[in-house]
N, C-alpha and C. Protein backbone atom coordinates (compact mmCIF):
# COMPACT_ATOMS: atom_id res chain seq x y z
N MET A 1 28.08 -36.93 54.37
CA MET A 1 27.25 -35.74 54.41
C MET A 1 27.19 -35.24 55.85
N ARG A 2 27.36 -33.95 56.01
CA ARG A 2 27.30 -33.31 57.33
C ARG A 2 25.84 -33.24 57.77
N ILE A 3 25.58 -33.40 59.06
CA ILE A 3 24.22 -33.32 59.61
C ILE A 3 24.15 -32.16 60.60
N VAL A 4 23.14 -31.30 60.42
CA VAL A 4 22.87 -30.19 61.33
C VAL A 4 21.46 -30.42 61.88
N GLN A 5 21.34 -30.49 63.22
CA GLN A 5 20.05 -30.78 63.84
C GLN A 5 19.64 -29.72 64.83
N ASN A 6 18.31 -29.46 64.87
CA ASN A 6 17.70 -28.62 65.90
C ASN A 6 18.35 -27.25 66.02
N GLU A 7 18.65 -26.64 64.89
CA GLU A 7 19.30 -25.32 64.89
C GLU A 7 18.31 -24.26 64.41
N SER A 8 18.39 -23.08 65.01
CA SER A 8 17.68 -21.91 64.52
C SER A 8 18.74 -21.01 63.91
N ILE A 9 18.73 -20.92 62.59
CA ILE A 9 19.79 -20.22 61.87
C ILE A 9 19.23 -18.87 61.43
N VAL A 10 19.86 -17.79 61.88
CA VAL A 10 19.35 -16.44 61.63
C VAL A 10 20.45 -15.58 61.02
N GLY A 11 20.14 -14.93 59.89
CA GLY A 11 21.03 -13.94 59.30
C GLY A 11 22.36 -14.47 58.82
N GLN A 12 22.40 -15.74 58.41
CA GLN A 12 23.66 -16.33 57.96
C GLN A 12 23.58 -16.70 56.48
N THR A 13 24.75 -16.86 55.87
CA THR A 13 24.83 -17.47 54.55
C THR A 13 24.96 -18.97 54.76
N VAL A 14 24.03 -19.73 54.18
CA VAL A 14 23.97 -21.17 54.39
C VAL A 14 24.16 -21.87 53.05
N VAL A 15 25.23 -22.63 52.91
CA VAL A 15 25.46 -23.42 51.70
C VAL A 15 24.82 -24.79 51.93
N MET A 16 23.83 -25.12 51.10
CA MET A 16 23.05 -26.34 51.29
C MET A 16 23.83 -27.61 50.93
N ASP A 17 24.74 -27.51 49.97
CA ASP A 17 25.42 -28.69 49.45
C ASP A 17 26.10 -29.51 50.54
N ASP A 18 25.99 -30.83 50.40
CA ASP A 18 26.65 -31.80 51.28
C ASP A 18 26.22 -31.71 52.73
N THR A 19 24.98 -31.22 52.98
CA THR A 19 24.49 -31.09 54.35
C THR A 19 23.05 -31.56 54.42
N LEU A 20 22.72 -32.25 55.51
CA LEU A 20 21.34 -32.64 55.83
C LEU A 20 20.92 -31.83 57.04
N TYR A 21 19.86 -31.05 56.88
CA TYR A 21 19.33 -30.21 57.97
C TYR A 21 18.08 -30.88 58.52
N ILE A 22 18.08 -31.16 59.82
CA ILE A 22 16.95 -31.83 60.48
C ILE A 22 16.41 -30.93 61.57
N ASN A 23 15.09 -30.66 61.53
CA ASN A 23 14.42 -29.83 62.54
C ASN A 23 15.09 -28.46 62.68
N CYS A 24 15.39 -27.82 61.57
CA CYS A 24 16.05 -26.51 61.59
C CYS A 24 15.10 -25.44 61.06
N THR A 25 15.29 -24.22 61.53
CA THR A 25 14.56 -23.07 60.99
C THR A 25 15.59 -22.08 60.43
N PHE A 26 15.21 -21.44 59.33
CA PHE A 26 16.07 -20.49 58.65
C PHE A 26 15.33 -19.16 58.57
N THR A 27 15.91 -18.10 59.12
CA THR A 27 15.30 -16.78 59.12
C THR A 27 16.32 -15.76 58.63
N LYS A 28 15.91 -14.94 57.68
CA LYS A 28 16.77 -13.89 57.12
C LYS A 28 18.11 -14.42 56.65
N CYS A 29 18.10 -15.59 56.02
CA CYS A 29 19.34 -16.23 55.57
C CYS A 29 19.49 -16.10 54.05
N LEU A 30 20.73 -16.13 53.61
CA LEU A 30 21.05 -16.31 52.20
C LEU A 30 21.27 -17.80 52.01
N ILE A 31 20.39 -18.46 51.27
CA ILE A 31 20.47 -19.90 51.04
C ILE A 31 21.17 -20.10 49.69
N VAL A 32 22.35 -20.71 49.72
CA VAL A 32 23.15 -20.91 48.51
C VAL A 32 23.14 -22.39 48.14
N TYR A 33 22.83 -22.64 46.86
CA TYR A 33 22.86 -24.02 46.36
C TYR A 33 23.75 -24.06 45.13
N CYS A 34 24.72 -25.00 45.12
CA CYS A 34 25.70 -25.09 44.04
C CYS A 34 25.52 -26.32 43.16
N GLY A 35 24.57 -27.19 43.50
CA GLY A 35 24.30 -28.35 42.64
C GLY A 35 24.64 -29.69 43.26
N GLY A 36 25.14 -29.72 44.49
CA GLY A 36 25.50 -30.98 45.14
C GLY A 36 24.34 -31.60 45.89
N ASP A 37 24.60 -32.73 46.50
CA ASP A 37 23.60 -33.41 47.30
C ASP A 37 23.28 -32.59 48.54
N PHE A 38 22.04 -32.62 48.96
CA PHE A 38 21.61 -31.93 50.17
C PHE A 38 20.32 -32.58 50.63
N GLY A 39 19.87 -32.19 51.81
CA GLY A 39 18.57 -32.67 52.26
C GLY A 39 18.10 -31.89 53.46
N TRP A 40 16.79 -31.98 53.71
CA TRP A 40 16.24 -31.42 54.93
C TRP A 40 15.03 -32.22 55.34
N GLN A 41 14.79 -32.29 56.62
CA GLN A 41 13.62 -32.93 57.21
C GLN A 41 13.04 -31.97 58.23
N ASN A 42 11.75 -31.71 58.12
CA ASN A 42 11.06 -30.82 59.05
C ASN A 42 11.78 -29.48 59.17
N ALA A 43 12.11 -28.90 58.03
CA ALA A 43 12.78 -27.59 58.00
C ALA A 43 11.75 -26.50 57.71
N GLN A 44 12.00 -25.30 58.24
CA GLN A 44 11.13 -24.16 57.99
C GLN A 44 11.98 -23.00 57.50
N PHE A 45 11.53 -22.39 56.40
CA PHE A 45 12.23 -21.26 55.80
C PHE A 45 11.30 -20.06 55.85
N SER A 46 11.77 -18.94 56.41
CA SER A 46 10.95 -17.74 56.44
C SER A 46 10.95 -17.09 55.05
N THR A 47 9.94 -16.27 54.78
CA THR A 47 9.85 -15.63 53.47
C THR A 47 10.93 -14.58 53.27
N ASP A 48 11.65 -14.22 54.32
CA ASP A 48 12.72 -13.24 54.15
C ASP A 48 14.08 -13.87 53.87
N CYS A 49 14.09 -15.16 53.57
CA CYS A 49 15.32 -15.82 53.11
C CYS A 49 15.47 -15.55 51.61
N ILE A 50 16.70 -15.47 51.16
CA ILE A 50 17.01 -15.27 49.74
C ILE A 50 17.72 -16.53 49.24
N ILE A 51 17.32 -16.97 48.06
CA ILE A 51 17.94 -18.17 47.47
C ILE A 51 18.89 -17.72 46.36
N GLN A 52 20.09 -18.28 46.38
CA GLN A 52 21.09 -17.96 45.36
C GLN A 52 21.64 -19.26 44.80
N PHE A 53 21.73 -19.35 43.48
CA PHE A 53 22.28 -20.52 42.81
C PHE A 53 23.67 -20.18 42.30
N GLU A 54 24.60 -21.12 42.45
CA GLU A 54 25.99 -20.95 42.02
C GLU A 54 26.42 -22.16 41.20
N GLY A 55 27.46 -22.01 40.41
CA GLY A 55 28.06 -23.13 39.68
C GLY A 55 27.06 -23.85 38.80
N PRO A 56 27.08 -25.20 38.80
CA PRO A 56 26.17 -25.97 37.96
C PRO A 56 24.69 -25.66 38.23
N ALA A 57 24.34 -25.39 39.47
CA ALA A 57 22.95 -25.06 39.78
C ALA A 57 22.56 -23.76 39.10
N ARG A 58 23.45 -22.80 39.04
CA ARG A 58 23.17 -21.52 38.38
C ARG A 58 22.97 -21.72 36.89
N ARG A 59 23.79 -22.57 36.28
CA ARG A 59 23.64 -22.83 34.85
C ARG A 59 22.30 -23.49 34.56
N LEU A 60 21.87 -24.43 35.39
CA LEU A 60 20.57 -25.08 35.21
C LEU A 60 19.45 -24.06 35.40
N PHE A 61 19.55 -23.21 36.41
CA PHE A 61 18.55 -22.18 36.67
C PHE A 61 18.42 -21.25 35.46
N ASP A 62 19.55 -20.79 34.91
CA ASP A 62 19.52 -19.91 33.75
C ASP A 62 18.90 -20.62 32.54
N PHE A 63 19.22 -21.89 32.35
CA PHE A 63 18.65 -22.69 31.25
C PHE A 63 17.14 -22.77 31.39
N MET A 64 16.65 -23.05 32.61
CA MET A 64 15.22 -23.17 32.84
C MET A 64 14.50 -21.83 32.64
N LYS A 65 15.15 -20.73 33.01
CA LYS A 65 14.56 -19.40 32.79
C LYS A 65 14.32 -19.15 31.30
N GLN A 66 15.25 -19.60 30.45
CA GLN A 66 15.13 -19.38 29.01
C GLN A 66 13.86 -20.03 28.43
N PHE A 67 13.38 -21.09 29.08
CA PHE A 67 12.19 -21.79 28.61
C PHE A 67 10.94 -21.42 29.41
N GLY A 68 11.07 -20.41 30.27
CA GLY A 68 9.92 -19.97 31.06
C GLY A 68 9.52 -20.94 32.15
N LEU A 69 10.42 -21.80 32.56
CA LEU A 69 10.12 -22.81 33.58
C LEU A 69 10.33 -22.30 35.00
N VAL A 70 10.86 -21.09 35.13
CA VAL A 70 11.11 -20.48 36.43
C VAL A 70 10.39 -19.13 36.45
N LYS A 71 9.60 -18.90 37.48
CA LYS A 71 8.91 -17.62 37.61
C LYS A 71 9.73 -16.73 38.53
N ILE A 72 10.10 -15.56 38.04
CA ILE A 72 10.85 -14.58 38.82
C ILE A 72 9.84 -13.53 39.29
N PRO A 73 9.68 -13.36 40.60
CA PRO A 73 8.73 -12.35 41.09
C PRO A 73 9.17 -10.95 40.68
N LYS A 74 8.19 -10.13 40.32
CA LYS A 74 8.46 -8.73 40.02
C LYS A 74 8.63 -7.96 41.32
N PRO A 75 9.36 -6.84 41.30
CA PRO A 75 9.51 -6.04 42.53
C PRO A 75 8.14 -5.70 43.12
N GLY A 76 8.01 -5.93 44.42
CA GLY A 76 6.76 -5.65 45.11
C GLY A 76 5.76 -6.79 45.08
N GLU A 77 5.99 -7.79 44.23
CA GLU A 77 5.08 -8.95 44.15
C GLU A 77 5.34 -9.85 45.35
N PRO A 78 4.29 -10.31 46.03
CA PRO A 78 4.51 -11.17 47.20
C PRO A 78 5.16 -12.50 46.79
N LEU A 79 6.04 -12.98 47.64
CA LEU A 79 6.69 -14.27 47.40
C LEU A 79 5.78 -15.39 47.86
N PRO A 80 5.88 -16.57 47.24
CA PRO A 80 5.08 -17.69 47.72
C PRO A 80 5.48 -18.07 49.13
N GLN A 81 4.54 -18.51 49.91
CA GLN A 81 4.82 -18.91 51.28
C GLN A 81 5.46 -20.30 51.29
N ALA A 82 6.54 -20.42 52.03
CA ALA A 82 7.19 -21.72 52.19
C ALA A 82 6.50 -22.45 53.32
N SER A 83 6.22 -23.72 53.10
CA SER A 83 5.60 -24.51 54.17
C SER A 83 6.63 -25.46 54.73
N PRO A 84 6.46 -25.90 55.97
CA PRO A 84 7.44 -26.83 56.56
C PRO A 84 7.57 -28.10 55.74
N SER A 85 8.77 -28.56 55.59
CA SER A 85 9.03 -29.78 54.85
C SER A 85 9.09 -30.96 55.81
N THR A 86 8.47 -32.05 55.41
CA THR A 86 8.50 -33.25 56.26
C THR A 86 9.27 -34.38 55.61
N GLU A 87 9.79 -34.16 54.43
CA GLU A 87 10.54 -35.23 53.79
C GLU A 87 11.90 -34.74 53.32
N THR A 88 12.81 -35.65 53.15
CA THR A 88 14.15 -35.31 52.70
C THR A 88 14.14 -35.04 51.21
N ILE A 89 14.82 -33.99 50.80
CA ILE A 89 14.94 -33.61 49.39
C ILE A 89 16.41 -33.74 49.02
N HIS A 90 16.70 -34.30 47.84
CA HIS A 90 18.09 -34.40 47.38
C HIS A 90 18.21 -33.76 46.03
């Protein structure tokens, strides 16, 4: 797994799969997740980041939407605030 540390990532497309982000901040990024292993420790995501699911992750997301397990914000509805993460997520 690739490790990225102490980076301030702005305005980039970031593929989460196969990467561990430590002490990183993400601002105005497109966050892409395809279903692979990933992690972050002490990461901060601004509310202007966009999350996109691809491949197996997209199929799971669509499946969960069918059962009402995913809330999609309506246009103009405020997004939930992301708080800093202190533990690794896989």
